Amino acid sequence: MEGDRIADSLLVHVVDDDPAVRDSLALLLQSAGMSVRGPDLAAAFLSVAPTLDAGGVLTDVRMPEIDGLTLQRRLAELNPGLAAVVVTGHADVPIAVAAFKAGAREFLETPFDNERLIGVVKEVLAESQRVHQASKAAEAIVTRLATLTRRERQVLARLVEREPNKTIAYDLGTGPRTVEVQRARVMKKMGARNLAEPVRMVLVVERAPANQAGRLT
């Protein structure tokens, strides 16, 4: 439920099976003004990941049951808006490559510079917030698109291509006046004040992460 979602643009989830590591990272990030949560294991975090809003994930590679690479791949499916940073003492080139392929935004080897880690996490949080805002905007537009009839979607798709009413009418086998009426309905349902707005809305949906809108027609 939306009311149960956790919204905090500076929330970092530290996922590591070592309590000492979690506590150390939490203290460092909190000193930089961030909020921190530390699940014991990856499985515990993945169970709540779909309910989370924007934020970052700090994790190791080697963990029992679910390792860091598997965590990242699952996270990309469950909540792509959460950005992951890998911090590990078991680093080599193949592991780093695998981490990035699994979806990590950054990969840091211990021992690391504290300021470097803080800077990286802040960059990741900002990216996560942008992704989250884009997703929410797209969701709102998709809701409006769902109110359109199939013919209205067809008209909108052609308006996006900037086709004139006469061309749209010819393509759809109807009259220009009918297209004008359908175009007016599209504008009203989409809450658009001019033609540029529904075009922009469609582009927002097409460019949004995890797009669920599908085709217009």
N, C-alpha and C. Protein backbone atom coordinates (compact mmCIF):
# COMPACT_ATOMS: atom_id res chain seq x y z
N MET A 1 0.84 -1.19 0.00
CA MET A 1 0.00 0.00 0.00
C MET A 1 0.87 1.24 0.00
N GLU A 2 0.40 2.29 -0.70
CA GLU A 2 1.21 3.49 -0.84
C GLU A 2 1.53 4.10 0.51
N GLY A 3 0.57 4.06 1.45
CA GLY A 3 0.80 4.66 2.75
C GLY A 3 1.87 3.95 3.56
N ASP A 4 2.17 2.71 3.18
CA ASP A 4 3.18 1.94 3.91
C ASP A 4 4.57 2.12 3.33
N ARG A 5 4.67 2.80 2.20
CA ARG A 5 5.97 2.95 1.56
C ARG A 5 6.85 3.89 2.35
N ILE A 6 8.13 3.61 2.33
CA ILE A 6 9.10 4.40 3.08
C ILE A 6 9.72 5.42 2.14
N ALA A 7 9.56 6.70 2.42
CA ALA A 7 10.08 7.74 1.55
C ALA A 7 11.15 8.53 2.28
N ASP A 8 12.38 8.39 1.85
CA ASP A 8 13.48 9.12 2.46
C ASP A 8 14.62 9.15 1.46
N SER A 9 14.86 10.34 0.86
CA SER A 9 15.86 10.44 -0.19
C SER A 9 17.27 10.23 0.33
N LEU A 10 17.48 10.24 1.66
CA LEU A 10 18.81 10.03 2.23
C LEU A 10 18.89 8.73 3.03
N LEU A 11 18.06 7.77 2.69
CA LEU A 11 18.02 6.49 3.40
C LEU A 11 18.93 5.48 2.71
N VAL A 12 19.87 4.94 3.48
CA VAL A 12 20.80 3.93 2.97
C VAL A 12 20.58 2.62 3.71
N HIS A 13 20.46 1.53 2.96
CA HIS A 13 20.28 0.21 3.54
C HIS A 13 21.62 -0.52 3.48
N VAL A 14 22.20 -0.79 4.64
CA VAL A 14 23.49 -1.48 4.70
C VAL A 14 23.20 -2.97 4.88
N VAL A 15 23.51 -3.74 3.85
CA VAL A 15 23.21 -5.18 3.86
C VAL A 15 24.53 -5.94 3.97
N ASP A 16 24.79 -6.47 5.15
CA ASP A 16 26.03 -7.20 5.40
C ASP A 16 25.80 -8.13 6.58
N ASP A 17 26.35 -9.35 6.50
CA ASP A 17 26.13 -10.32 7.57
C ASP A 17 27.04 -10.08 8.77
N ASP A 18 27.98 -9.16 8.67
CA ASP A 18 28.91 -8.85 9.76
C ASP A 18 28.41 -7.65 10.55
N PRO A 19 27.95 -7.83 11.80
CA PRO A 19 27.43 -6.71 12.59
C PRO A 19 28.44 -5.58 12.76
N ALA A 20 29.71 -5.90 12.90
CA ALA A 20 30.73 -4.87 13.09
C ALA A 20 30.84 -3.99 11.86
N VAL A 21 30.75 -4.60 10.69
CA VAL A 21 30.81 -3.85 9.43
C VAL A 21 29.59 -2.95 9.30
N ARG A 22 28.42 -3.51 9.61
CA ARG A 22 27.19 -2.72 9.52
C ARG A 22 27.26 -1.51 10.45
N ASP A 23 27.71 -1.74 11.67
CA ASP A 23 27.77 -0.64 12.65
C ASP A 23 28.77 0.43 12.21
N SER A 24 29.92 0.00 11.69
CA SER A 24 30.94 0.94 11.26
C SER A 24 30.45 1.80 10.10
N LEU A 25 29.83 1.16 9.11
CA LEU A 25 29.31 1.90 7.96
C LEU A 25 28.17 2.82 8.36
N ALA A 26 27.33 2.33 9.27
CA ALA A 26 26.20 3.14 9.72
C ALA A 26 26.68 4.42 10.41
N LEU A 27 27.67 4.29 11.28
CA LEU A 27 28.21 5.46 11.98
C LEU A 27 28.80 6.46 11.00
N LEU A 28 29.51 5.95 10.00
CA LEU A 28 30.13 6.84 9.01
C LEU A 28 29.07 7.60 8.21
N LEU A 29 28.08 6.88 7.73
CA LEU A 29 27.04 7.52 6.91
C LEU A 29 26.17 8.46 7.73
N GLN A 30 25.88 8.08 8.96
CA GLN A 30 25.09 8.95 9.83
C GLN A 30 25.83 10.24 10.14
N SER A 31 27.15 10.16 10.24
CA SER A 31 27.95 11.36 10.50
C SER A 31 27.86 12.34 9.34
N ALA A 32 27.48 11.83 8.16
CA ALA A 32 27.34 12.67 6.97
C ALA A 32 25.89 13.08 6.75
N GLY A 33 25.03 12.82 7.75
CA GLY A 33 23.64 13.26 7.67
C GLY A 33 22.69 12.32 7.00
N MET A 34 23.07 11.07 6.82
CA MET A 34 22.20 10.10 6.17
C MET A 34 21.52 9.20 7.20
N SER A 35 20.36 8.70 6.83
CA SER A 35 19.66 7.71 7.66
C SER A 35 20.09 6.32 7.21
N VAL A 36 20.25 5.41 8.16
CA VAL A 36 20.77 4.08 7.83
C VAL A 36 19.89 3.00 8.43
N ARG A 37 19.68 1.95 7.64
CA ARG A 37 19.02 0.74 8.15
C ARG A 37 19.91 -0.43 7.79
N GLY A 38 19.98 -1.41 8.69
CA GLY A 38 20.91 -2.51 8.47
C GLY A 38 20.29 -3.87 8.67
N PRO A 39 19.66 -4.45 7.62
CA PRO A 39 19.15 -5.82 7.73
C PRO A 39 20.28 -6.80 7.98
N ASP A 40 20.02 -7.88 8.70
CA ASP A 40 21.05 -8.87 9.00
C ASP A 40 21.54 -9.58 7.75
N LEU A 41 20.60 -9.99 6.89
CA LEU A 41 20.95 -10.76 5.71
C LEU A 41 20.22 -10.23 4.49
N ALA A 42 20.73 -10.61 3.31
CA ALA A 42 20.14 -10.15 2.06
C ALA A 42 18.68 -10.58 1.93
N ALA A 43 18.36 -11.78 2.40
CA ALA A 43 16.99 -12.28 2.28
C ALA A 43 16.01 -11.37 3.02
N ALA A 44 16.42 -10.89 4.20
CA ALA A 44 15.56 -9.99 4.97
C ALA A 44 15.33 -8.69 4.22
N PHE A 45 16.36 -8.19 3.56
CA PHE A 45 16.22 -6.95 2.81
C PHE A 45 15.34 -7.15 1.58
N LEU A 46 15.55 -8.22 0.85
CA LEU A 46 14.77 -8.47 -0.35
C LEU A 46 13.28 -8.62 -0.05
N SER A 47 12.96 -9.08 1.15
CA SER A 47 11.55 -9.27 1.50
C SER A 47 10.81 -7.95 1.62
N VAL A 48 11.54 -6.86 1.90
CA VAL A 48 10.89 -5.55 2.04
C VAL A 48 11.24 -4.62 0.88
N ALA A 49 12.16 -5.01 0.02
CA ALA A 49 12.63 -4.14 -1.06
C ALA A 49 11.51 -3.57 -1.94
N PRO A 50 10.49 -4.38 -2.29
CA PRO A 50 9.45 -3.82 -3.16
C PRO A 50 8.66 -2.68 -2.52
N THR A 51 8.68 -2.57 -1.18
CA THR A 51 7.90 -1.53 -0.50
C THR A 51 8.68 -0.24 -0.30
N LEU A 52 9.94 -0.23 -0.72
CA LEU A 52 10.79 0.93 -0.45
C LEU A 52 10.76 1.93 -1.59
N ASP A 53 10.91 3.19 -1.24
CA ASP A 53 11.00 4.25 -2.24
C ASP A 53 12.47 4.51 -2.56
N ALA A 54 12.78 5.74 -2.90
CA ALA A 54 14.16 6.08 -3.29
C ALA A 54 15.13 5.84 -2.14
N GLY A 55 16.33 5.47 -2.47
CA GLY A 55 17.36 5.23 -1.46
C GLY A 55 18.52 4.47 -2.06
N GLY A 56 19.49 4.16 -1.23
CA GLY A 56 20.66 3.43 -1.69
C GLY A 56 20.87 2.15 -0.91
N VAL A 57 21.65 1.26 -1.49
CA VAL A 57 21.96 -0.02 -0.86
C VAL A 57 23.48 -0.19 -0.85
N LEU A 58 24.02 -0.45 0.32
CA LEU A 58 25.45 -0.68 0.49
C LEU A 58 25.60 -2.14 0.87
N THR A 59 26.34 -2.91 0.07
CA THR A 59 26.41 -4.34 0.34
C THR A 59 27.78 -4.92 0.02
N ASP A 60 28.03 -6.09 0.58
CA ASP A 60 29.26 -6.84 0.31
C ASP A 60 28.97 -7.83 -0.81
N VAL A 61 30.00 -8.51 -1.28
CA VAL A 61 29.83 -9.54 -2.29
C VAL A 61 29.61 -10.90 -1.65
N ARG A 62 30.47 -11.25 -0.70
CA ARG A 62 30.40 -12.57 -0.08
C ARG A 62 29.54 -12.54 1.17
N MET A 63 28.36 -13.14 1.07
CA MET A 63 27.44 -13.26 2.21
C MET A 63 26.79 -14.63 2.15
N PRO A 64 26.38 -15.17 3.30
CA PRO A 64 25.75 -16.49 3.29
C PRO A 64 24.36 -16.45 2.66
N GLU A 65 23.93 -17.59 2.15
CA GLU A 65 22.61 -17.79 1.55
C GLU A 65 22.44 -17.02 0.25
N ILE A 66 22.41 -15.69 0.32
CA ILE A 66 22.28 -14.87 -0.87
C ILE A 66 23.49 -13.94 -0.94
N ASP A 67 24.32 -14.09 -1.96
CA ASP A 67 25.51 -13.23 -2.05
C ASP A 67 25.15 -11.88 -2.65
N GLY A 68 26.13 -10.97 -2.65
CA GLY A 68 25.86 -9.61 -3.09
C GLY A 68 25.47 -9.51 -4.55
N LEU A 69 26.03 -10.34 -5.41
CA LEU A 69 25.70 -10.29 -6.82
C LEU A 69 24.26 -10.74 -7.06
N THR A 70 23.86 -11.80 -6.38
CA THR A 70 22.48 -12.25 -6.49
C THR A 70 21.52 -11.20 -5.95
N LEU A 71 21.92 -10.57 -4.84
CA LEU A 71 21.11 -9.50 -4.26
C LEU A 71 20.87 -8.39 -5.28
N GLN A 72 21.92 -7.98 -5.98
CA GLN A 72 21.77 -6.90 -6.96
C GLN A 72 20.85 -7.29 -8.10
N ARG A 73 21.01 -8.52 -8.59
CA ARG A 73 20.15 -8.96 -9.69
C ARG A 73 18.69 -9.02 -9.27
N ARG A 74 18.44 -9.52 -8.06
CA ARG A 74 17.06 -9.58 -7.56
C ARG A 74 16.51 -8.18 -7.34
N LEU A 75 17.36 -7.31 -6.85
CA LEU A 75 16.94 -5.94 -6.58
C LEU A 75 16.54 -5.22 -7.87
N ALA A 76 17.27 -5.49 -8.95
CA ALA A 76 16.95 -4.88 -10.24
C ALA A 76 15.56 -5.28 -10.71
N GLU A 77 15.12 -6.49 -10.31
CA GLU A 77 13.79 -6.96 -10.69
C GLU A 77 12.72 -6.42 -9.74
N LEU A 78 13.03 -6.39 -8.45
CA LEU A 78 12.04 -6.02 -7.44
C LEU A 78 11.85 -4.52 -7.30
N ASN A 79 12.95 -3.77 -7.41
CA ASN A 79 12.87 -2.33 -7.20
C ASN A 79 14.08 -1.66 -7.85
N PRO A 80 14.01 -1.40 -9.16
CA PRO A 80 15.16 -0.82 -9.87
C PRO A 80 15.48 0.60 -9.43
N GLY A 81 14.60 1.23 -8.65
CA GLY A 81 14.85 2.58 -8.17
C GLY A 81 15.88 2.64 -7.05
N LEU A 82 16.17 1.49 -6.44
CA LEU A 82 17.18 1.44 -5.38
C LEU A 82 18.56 1.19 -6.01
N ALA A 83 19.48 2.10 -5.77
CA ALA A 83 20.81 1.99 -6.38
C ALA A 83 21.78 1.33 -5.42
N ALA A 84 22.60 0.41 -5.94
CA ALA A 84 23.50 -0.36 -5.09
C ALA A 84 24.96 0.05 -5.24
N VAL A 85 25.66 0.07 -4.11
CA VAL A 85 27.10 0.28 -4.05
C VAL A 85 27.71 -0.94 -3.38
N VAL A 86 28.71 -1.52 -3.99
CA VAL A 86 29.38 -2.70 -3.43
C VAL A 86 30.66 -2.26 -2.73
N VAL A 87 30.79 -2.64 -1.47
CA VAL A 87 32.00 -2.40 -0.70
C VAL A 87 32.51 -3.74 -0.21
N THR A 88 33.69 -4.15 -0.64
CA THR A 88 34.16 -5.49 -0.30
C THR A 88 35.67 -5.53 -0.12
N GLY A 89 36.10 -6.46 0.70
CA GLY A 89 37.52 -6.71 0.87
C GLY A 89 38.00 -7.84 0.00
N HIS A 90 37.10 -8.41 -0.80
CA HIS A 90 37.42 -9.55 -1.67
C HIS A 90 37.30 -9.10 -3.12
N ALA A 91 38.08 -8.13 -3.51
CA ALA A 91 37.95 -7.53 -4.83
C ALA A 91 38.99 -8.04 -5.80
N ASP A 92 38.55 -8.31 -7.01
CA ASP A 92 39.44 -8.54 -8.14
C ASP A 92 38.66 -8.12 -9.38
N VAL A 93 39.30 -8.13 -10.52
CA VAL A 93 38.66 -7.63 -11.74
C VAL A 93 37.41 -8.43 -12.10
N PRO A 94 37.43 -9.77 -12.09
CA PRO A 94 36.21 -10.51 -12.44
C PRO A 94 35.04 -10.19 -11.51
N ILE A 95 35.31 -10.05 -10.21
CA ILE A 95 34.23 -9.73 -9.27
C ILE A 95 33.68 -8.34 -9.54
N ALA A 96 34.57 -7.38 -9.80
CA ALA A 96 34.12 -6.02 -10.09
C ALA A 96 33.26 -5.99 -11.35
N VAL A 97 33.70 -6.68 -12.38
CA VAL A 97 32.94 -6.74 -13.64
C VAL A 97 31.58 -7.38 -13.40
N ALA A 98 31.58 -8.48 -12.64
CA ALA A 98 30.31 -9.16 -12.34
C ALA A 98 29.37 -8.26 -11.55
N ALA A 99 29.93 -7.48 -10.63
CA ALA A 99 29.10 -6.58 -9.82
C ALA A 99 28.43 -5.53 -10.69
N PHE A 100 29.19 -4.94 -11.60
CA PHE A 100 28.61 -3.92 -12.48
C PHE A 100 27.57 -4.53 -13.42
N LYS A 101 27.84 -5.73 -13.91
CA LYS A 101 26.87 -6.40 -14.78
C LYS A 101 25.58 -6.72 -14.01
N ALA A 102 25.71 -6.97 -12.70
CA ALA A 102 24.55 -7.29 -11.88
C ALA A 102 23.75 -6.05 -11.51
N GLY A 103 24.31 -4.88 -11.78
CA GLY A 103 23.56 -3.66 -11.53
C GLY A 103 24.17 -2.69 -10.54
N ALA A 104 25.39 -2.97 -10.04
CA ALA A 104 26.01 -2.04 -9.09
C ALA A 104 26.31 -0.71 -9.76
N ARG A 105 26.06 0.39 -9.03
CA ARG A 105 26.40 1.71 -9.55
C ARG A 105 27.88 2.03 -9.31
N GLU A 106 28.41 1.53 -8.17
CA GLU A 106 29.81 1.76 -7.83
C GLU A 106 30.36 0.52 -7.14
N PHE A 107 31.70 0.38 -7.20
CA PHE A 107 32.37 -0.77 -6.59
C PHE A 107 33.60 -0.24 -5.87
N LEU A 108 33.64 -0.40 -4.55
CA LEU A 108 34.75 0.10 -3.75
C LEU A 108 35.42 -1.05 -3.00
N GLU A 109 36.74 -1.03 -3.00
CA GLU A 109 37.51 -2.05 -2.29
C GLU A 109 37.99 -1.51 -0.95
N THR A 110 37.87 -2.32 0.09
CA THR A 110 38.39 -1.93 1.40
C THR A 110 39.89 -2.24 1.47
N PRO A 111 40.66 -1.41 2.18
CA PRO A 111 40.21 -0.22 2.91
C PRO A 111 39.93 0.94 1.94
N PHE A 112 38.92 1.75 2.24
CA PHE A 112 38.54 2.84 1.36
C PHE A 112 38.67 4.17 2.12
N ASP A 113 38.74 5.24 1.36
CA ASP A 113 38.75 6.57 1.94
C ASP A 113 37.33 6.94 2.35
N ASN A 114 37.15 7.36 3.59
CA ASN A 114 35.80 7.66 4.09
C ASN A 114 35.09 8.72 3.25
N GLU A 115 35.81 9.77 2.90
CA GLU A 115 35.19 10.84 2.11
C GLU A 115 34.78 10.34 0.73
N ARG A 116 35.59 9.43 0.19
CA ARG A 116 35.27 8.85 -1.11
C ARG A 116 33.97 8.06 -1.02
N LEU A 117 33.83 7.25 0.02
CA LEU A 117 32.62 6.45 0.19
C LEU A 117 31.41 7.37 0.36
N ILE A 118 31.52 8.37 1.21
CA ILE A 118 30.40 9.30 1.44
C ILE A 118 29.99 9.98 0.14
N GLY A 119 31.00 10.42 -0.64
CA GLY A 119 30.70 11.08 -1.91
C GLY A 119 29.99 10.16 -2.88
N VAL A 120 30.46 8.92 -2.95
CA VAL A 120 29.85 7.93 -3.85
C VAL A 120 28.40 7.66 -3.45
N VAL A 121 28.17 7.47 -2.15
CA VAL A 121 26.82 7.17 -1.68
C VAL A 121 25.88 8.33 -1.95
N LYS A 122 26.35 9.56 -1.74
CA LYS A 122 25.51 10.73 -2.02
C LYS A 122 25.16 10.82 -3.50
N GLU A 123 26.11 10.52 -4.38
CA GLU A 123 25.84 10.52 -5.81
C GLU A 123 24.79 9.46 -6.16
N VAL A 124 24.91 8.29 -5.56
CA VAL A 124 23.98 7.20 -5.81
C VAL A 124 22.58 7.56 -5.31
N LEU A 125 22.51 8.19 -4.14
CA LEU A 125 21.21 8.60 -3.61
C LEU A 125 20.54 9.62 -4.51
N ALA A 126 21.32 10.56 -5.03
CA ALA A 126 20.75 11.56 -5.94
C ALA A 126 20.22 10.90 -7.21
N GLU A 127 20.97 9.92 -7.72
CA GLU A 127 20.52 9.19 -8.90
C GLU A 127 19.24 8.42 -8.61
N SER A 128 19.21 7.76 -7.44
CA SER A 128 18.02 7.00 -7.05
C SER A 128 16.80 7.90 -6.95
N GLN A 129 16.99 9.09 -6.42
CA GLN A 129 15.88 10.03 -6.29
C GLN A 129 15.36 10.46 -7.66
N ARG A 130 16.27 10.69 -8.59
CA ARG A 130 15.85 11.06 -9.95
C ARG A 130 15.05 9.94 -10.60
N VAL A 131 15.54 8.70 -10.43
CA VAL A 131 14.85 7.55 -10.99
C VAL A 131 13.46 7.41 -10.37
N HIS A 132 13.39 7.59 -9.05
CA HIS A 132 12.12 7.45 -8.34
C HIS A 132 11.12 8.50 -8.82
N GLN A 133 11.56 9.74 -8.95
CA GLN A 133 10.67 10.81 -9.39
C GLN A 133 10.18 10.57 -10.81
N ALA A 134 11.08 10.09 -11.67
CA ALA A 134 10.69 9.78 -13.05
C ALA A 134 9.67 8.66 -13.08
N SER A 135 9.85 7.66 -12.22
CA SER A 135 8.92 6.53 -12.17
C SER A 135 7.54 6.97 -11.69
N LYS A 136 7.51 7.84 -10.67
CA LYS A 136 6.23 8.32 -10.15
C LYS A 136 5.51 9.16 -11.20
N ALA A 137 6.26 10.00 -11.91
CA ALA A 137 5.64 10.81 -12.96
C ALA A 137 5.06 9.92 -14.05
N ALA A 138 5.81 8.88 -14.42
CA ALA A 138 5.33 7.96 -15.45
C ALA A 138 4.09 7.21 -14.98
N GLU A 139 4.06 6.81 -13.72
CA GLU A 139 2.90 6.09 -13.19
C GLU A 139 1.64 6.95 -13.29
N ALA A 140 1.77 8.24 -12.97
CA ALA A 140 0.62 9.14 -13.03
C ALA A 140 0.12 9.28 -14.47
N ILE A 141 1.05 9.34 -15.41
CA ILE A 141 0.66 9.48 -16.81
C ILE A 141 0.03 8.20 -17.33
N VAL A 142 0.58 7.05 -16.92
CA VAL A 142 0.01 5.77 -17.33
C VAL A 142 -1.43 5.64 -16.83
N THR A 143 -1.70 6.15 -15.64
CA THR A 143 -3.07 6.13 -15.10
C THR A 143 -4.00 6.91 -16.01
N ARG A 144 -3.53 8.06 -16.50
CA ARG A 144 -4.35 8.86 -17.42
C ARG A 144 -4.53 8.14 -18.75
N LEU A 145 -3.44 7.53 -19.23
CA LEU A 145 -3.53 6.80 -20.50
C LEU A 145 -4.56 5.68 -20.44
N ALA A 146 -4.69 5.09 -19.26
CA ALA A 146 -5.62 3.97 -19.10
C ALA A 146 -7.07 4.40 -19.27
N THR A 147 -7.34 5.70 -19.15
CA THR A 147 -8.72 6.18 -19.31
C THR A 147 -9.09 6.39 -20.77
N LEU A 148 -8.11 6.33 -21.68
CA LEU A 148 -8.38 6.54 -23.09
C LEU A 148 -8.97 5.29 -23.73
N THR A 149 -9.89 5.50 -24.66
CA THR A 149 -10.38 4.38 -25.45
C THR A 149 -9.31 3.96 -26.46
N ARG A 150 -9.53 2.82 -27.09
CA ARG A 150 -8.54 2.34 -28.07
C ARG A 150 -8.39 3.35 -29.21
N ARG A 151 -9.50 3.91 -29.69
CA ARG A 151 -9.41 4.89 -30.77
C ARG A 151 -8.72 6.17 -30.31
N GLU A 152 -8.97 6.58 -29.08
CA GLU A 152 -8.30 7.76 -28.56
C GLU A 152 -6.79 7.53 -28.44
N ARG A 153 -6.39 6.33 -28.10
CA ARG A 153 -4.97 6.00 -28.06
C ARG A 153 -4.37 6.06 -29.47
N GLN A 154 -5.13 5.59 -30.44
CA GLN A 154 -4.65 5.65 -31.81
C GLN A 154 -4.46 7.09 -32.26
N VAL A 155 -5.41 7.94 -31.91
CA VAL A 155 -5.30 9.36 -32.25
C VAL A 155 -4.09 9.97 -31.55
N LEU A 156 -3.90 9.65 -30.26
CA LEU A 156 -2.78 10.19 -29.51
C LEU A 156 -1.46 9.76 -30.13
N ALA A 157 -1.36 8.50 -30.50
CA ALA A 157 -0.12 8.00 -31.10
C ALA A 157 0.23 8.78 -32.35
N ARG A 158 -0.76 9.17 -33.12
CA ARG A 158 -0.50 9.93 -34.34
C ARG A 158 -0.25 11.41 -34.06
N LEU A 159 -0.86 11.90 -32.99
CA LEU A 159 -0.56 13.28 -32.59
C LEU A 159 0.89 13.40 -32.14
N VAL A 160 1.37 12.35 -31.46
CA VAL A 160 2.77 12.34 -31.04
C VAL A 160 3.70 12.43 -32.25
N GLU A 161 3.26 11.83 -33.37
CA GLU A 161 4.04 11.90 -34.61
C GLU A 161 3.76 13.18 -35.37
N ARG A 162 2.94 14.05 -34.78
CA ARG A 162 2.61 15.37 -35.35
C ARG A 162 1.92 15.27 -36.70
N GLU A 163 1.07 14.27 -36.85
CA GLU A 163 0.29 14.14 -38.08
C GLU A 163 -0.91 15.09 -38.02
N PRO A 164 -1.27 15.74 -39.12
CA PRO A 164 -2.44 16.62 -39.14
C PRO A 164 -3.73 15.82 -39.06
N ASN A 165 -4.82 16.50 -38.67
CA ASN A 165 -6.11 15.81 -38.50
C ASN A 165 -6.55 15.08 -39.76
N LYS A 166 -6.33 15.69 -40.93
CA LYS A 166 -6.78 15.05 -42.18
C LYS A 166 -6.04 13.73 -42.42
N THR A 167 -4.75 13.72 -42.12
CA THR A 167 -3.98 12.49 -42.30
C THR A 167 -4.42 11.42 -41.30
N ILE A 168 -4.66 11.84 -40.05
CA ILE A 168 -5.13 10.89 -39.03
C ILE A 168 -6.48 10.32 -39.44
N ALA A 169 -7.38 11.19 -39.93
CA ALA A 169 -8.71 10.75 -40.34
C ALA A 169 -8.61 9.73 -41.48
N TYR A 170 -7.73 9.98 -42.42
CA TYR A 170 -7.56 9.06 -43.55
C TYR A 170 -7.03 7.72 -43.07
N ASP A 171 -5.99 7.76 -42.21
CA ASP A 171 -5.39 6.52 -41.71
C ASP A 171 -6.38 5.68 -40.92
N LEU A 172 -7.25 6.35 -40.16
CA LEU A 172 -8.18 5.63 -39.28
C LEU A 172 -9.54 5.39 -39.94
N GLY A 173 -9.70 5.86 -41.16
CA GLY A 173 -10.95 5.63 -41.88
C GLY A 173 -12.13 6.38 -41.29
N THR A 174 -11.88 7.60 -40.87
CA THR A 174 -12.94 8.41 -40.28
C THR A 174 -12.83 9.83 -40.83
N GLY A 175 -13.64 10.75 -40.31
CA GLY A 175 -13.64 12.11 -40.82
C GLY A 175 -12.83 13.04 -39.94
N PRO A 176 -12.33 14.16 -40.50
CA PRO A 176 -11.55 15.13 -39.73
C PRO A 176 -12.30 15.67 -38.51
N ARG A 177 -13.61 15.87 -38.65
CA ARG A 177 -14.39 16.38 -37.53
C ARG A 177 -14.39 15.38 -36.38
N THR A 178 -14.51 14.09 -36.70
CA THR A 178 -14.48 13.06 -35.66
C THR A 178 -13.13 13.05 -34.96
N VAL A 179 -12.06 13.22 -35.74
CA VAL A 179 -10.72 13.27 -35.16
C VAL A 179 -10.60 14.47 -34.22
N GLU A 180 -11.17 15.61 -34.61
CA GLU A 180 -11.13 16.80 -33.75
C GLU A 180 -11.79 16.53 -32.41
N VAL A 181 -12.94 15.83 -32.45
CA VAL A 181 -13.66 15.51 -31.22
C VAL A 181 -12.82 14.56 -30.35
N GLN A 182 -12.25 13.54 -30.98
CA GLN A 182 -11.44 12.57 -30.24
C GLN A 182 -10.17 13.23 -29.69
N ARG A 183 -9.62 14.14 -30.46
CA ARG A 183 -8.44 14.87 -30.00
C ARG A 183 -8.77 15.71 -28.77
N ALA A 184 -9.92 16.34 -28.78
CA ALA A 184 -10.34 17.15 -27.63
C ALA A 184 -10.53 16.26 -26.41
N ARG A 185 -11.07 15.07 -26.60
CA ARG A 185 -11.25 14.14 -25.48
C ARG A 185 -9.90 13.69 -24.92
N VAL A 186 -8.96 13.43 -25.81
CA VAL A 186 -7.62 13.04 -25.37
C VAL A 186 -7.00 14.14 -24.52
N MET A 187 -7.11 15.38 -24.99
CA MET A 187 -6.53 16.51 -24.27
C MET A 187 -7.16 16.64 -22.88
N LYS A 188 -8.47 16.45 -22.81
CA LYS A 188 -9.16 16.59 -21.53
C LYS A 188 -8.77 15.48 -20.56
N LYS A 189 -8.78 14.24 -21.04
CA LYS A 189 -8.45 13.10 -20.18
C LYS A 189 -7.00 13.13 -19.71
N MET A 190 -6.12 13.64 -20.55
CA MET A 190 -4.71 13.70 -20.20
C MET A 190 -4.38 14.94 -19.38
N GLY A 191 -5.38 15.84 -19.22
CA GLY A 191 -5.14 17.06 -18.45
C GLY A 191 -4.16 17.99 -19.15
N ALA A 192 -4.20 18.00 -20.48
CA ALA A 192 -3.26 18.79 -21.28
C ALA A 192 -3.89 20.11 -21.71
N ARG A 193 -3.10 21.17 -21.68
CA ARG A 193 -3.57 22.48 -22.09
C ARG A 193 -3.21 22.80 -23.54
N ASN A 194 -2.25 22.08 -24.07
CA ASN A 194 -1.86 22.26 -25.47
C ASN A 194 -1.29 20.95 -25.99
N LEU A 195 -1.07 20.88 -27.29
CA LEU A 195 -0.65 19.63 -27.91
C LEU A 195 0.72 19.18 -27.42
N ALA A 196 1.57 20.11 -27.05
CA ALA A 196 2.92 19.74 -26.61
C ALA A 196 2.89 18.89 -25.35
N GLU A 197 1.89 19.11 -24.49
CA GLU A 197 1.86 18.41 -23.20
C GLU A 197 1.62 16.91 -23.34
N PRO A 198 0.61 16.44 -24.10
CA PRO A 198 0.48 14.98 -24.23
C PRO A 198 1.67 14.33 -24.92
N VAL A 199 2.31 15.07 -25.84
CA VAL A 199 3.53 14.54 -26.48
C VAL A 199 4.62 14.36 -25.43
N ARG A 200 4.78 15.37 -24.58
CA ARG A 200 5.78 15.29 -23.51
C ARG A 200 5.46 14.14 -22.57
N MET A 201 4.18 13.96 -22.24
CA MET A 201 3.78 12.89 -21.32
C MET A 201 4.14 11.52 -21.87
N VAL A 202 3.89 11.32 -23.16
CA VAL A 202 4.21 10.04 -23.78
C VAL A 202 5.72 9.80 -23.73
N LEU A 203 6.51 10.83 -23.97
CA LEU A 203 7.96 10.69 -23.92
C LEU A 203 8.43 10.37 -22.50
N VAL A 204 7.78 10.96 -21.50
CA VAL A 204 8.14 10.68 -20.10
C VAL A 204 7.94 9.20 -19.80
N VAL A 205 6.82 8.65 -20.27
CA VAL A 205 6.52 7.24 -20.03
C VAL A 205 7.51 6.35 -20.77
N GLU A 206 7.82 6.70 -22.01
CA GLU A 206 8.73 5.86 -22.80
C GLU A 206 10.14 5.85 -22.22
N ARG A 207 10.55 6.95 -21.58
CA ARG A 207 11.91 7.05 -21.06
C ARG A 207 12.02 6.62 -19.61
N ALA A 208 10.90 6.41 -18.95
CA ALA A 208 10.93 6.08 -17.53
C ALA A 208 11.49 4.68 -17.33
N PRO A 209 12.18 4.44 -16.20
CA PRO A 209 12.67 3.09 -15.89
C PRO A 209 11.52 2.16 -15.59
N ALA A 210 11.70 0.89 -15.91
CA ALA A 210 10.67 -0.12 -15.64
C ALA A 210 9.34 0.30 -16.24
N ASN A 211 9.36 0.73 -17.49
CA ASN A 211 8.15 1.20 -18.16
C ASN A 211 7.13 0.07 -18.27
N GLN A 212 5.93 0.31 -17.76
CA GLN A 212 4.85 -0.68 -17.82
C GLN A 212 3.71 -0.22 -18.71
N ALA A 213 3.93 0.88 -19.46
CA ALA A 213 2.82 1.47 -20.22
C ALA A 213 2.46 0.67 -21.46
N GLY A 214 3.46 0.07 -22.08
CA GLY A 214 3.18 -0.66 -23.29
C GLY A 214 2.93 0.27 -24.46
N ARG A 215 2.40 -0.28 -25.54
CA ARG A 215 2.15 0.48 -26.74
C ARG A 215 0.92 1.34 -26.58
N LEU A 216 0.87 2.43 -27.34
CA LEU A 216 -0.30 3.30 -27.31
C LEU A 216 -1.45 2.70 -28.09
N THR A 217 -1.13 1.96 -29.12
CA THR A 217 -2.18 1.43 -29.99
C THR A 217 -2.46 -0.01 -29.69
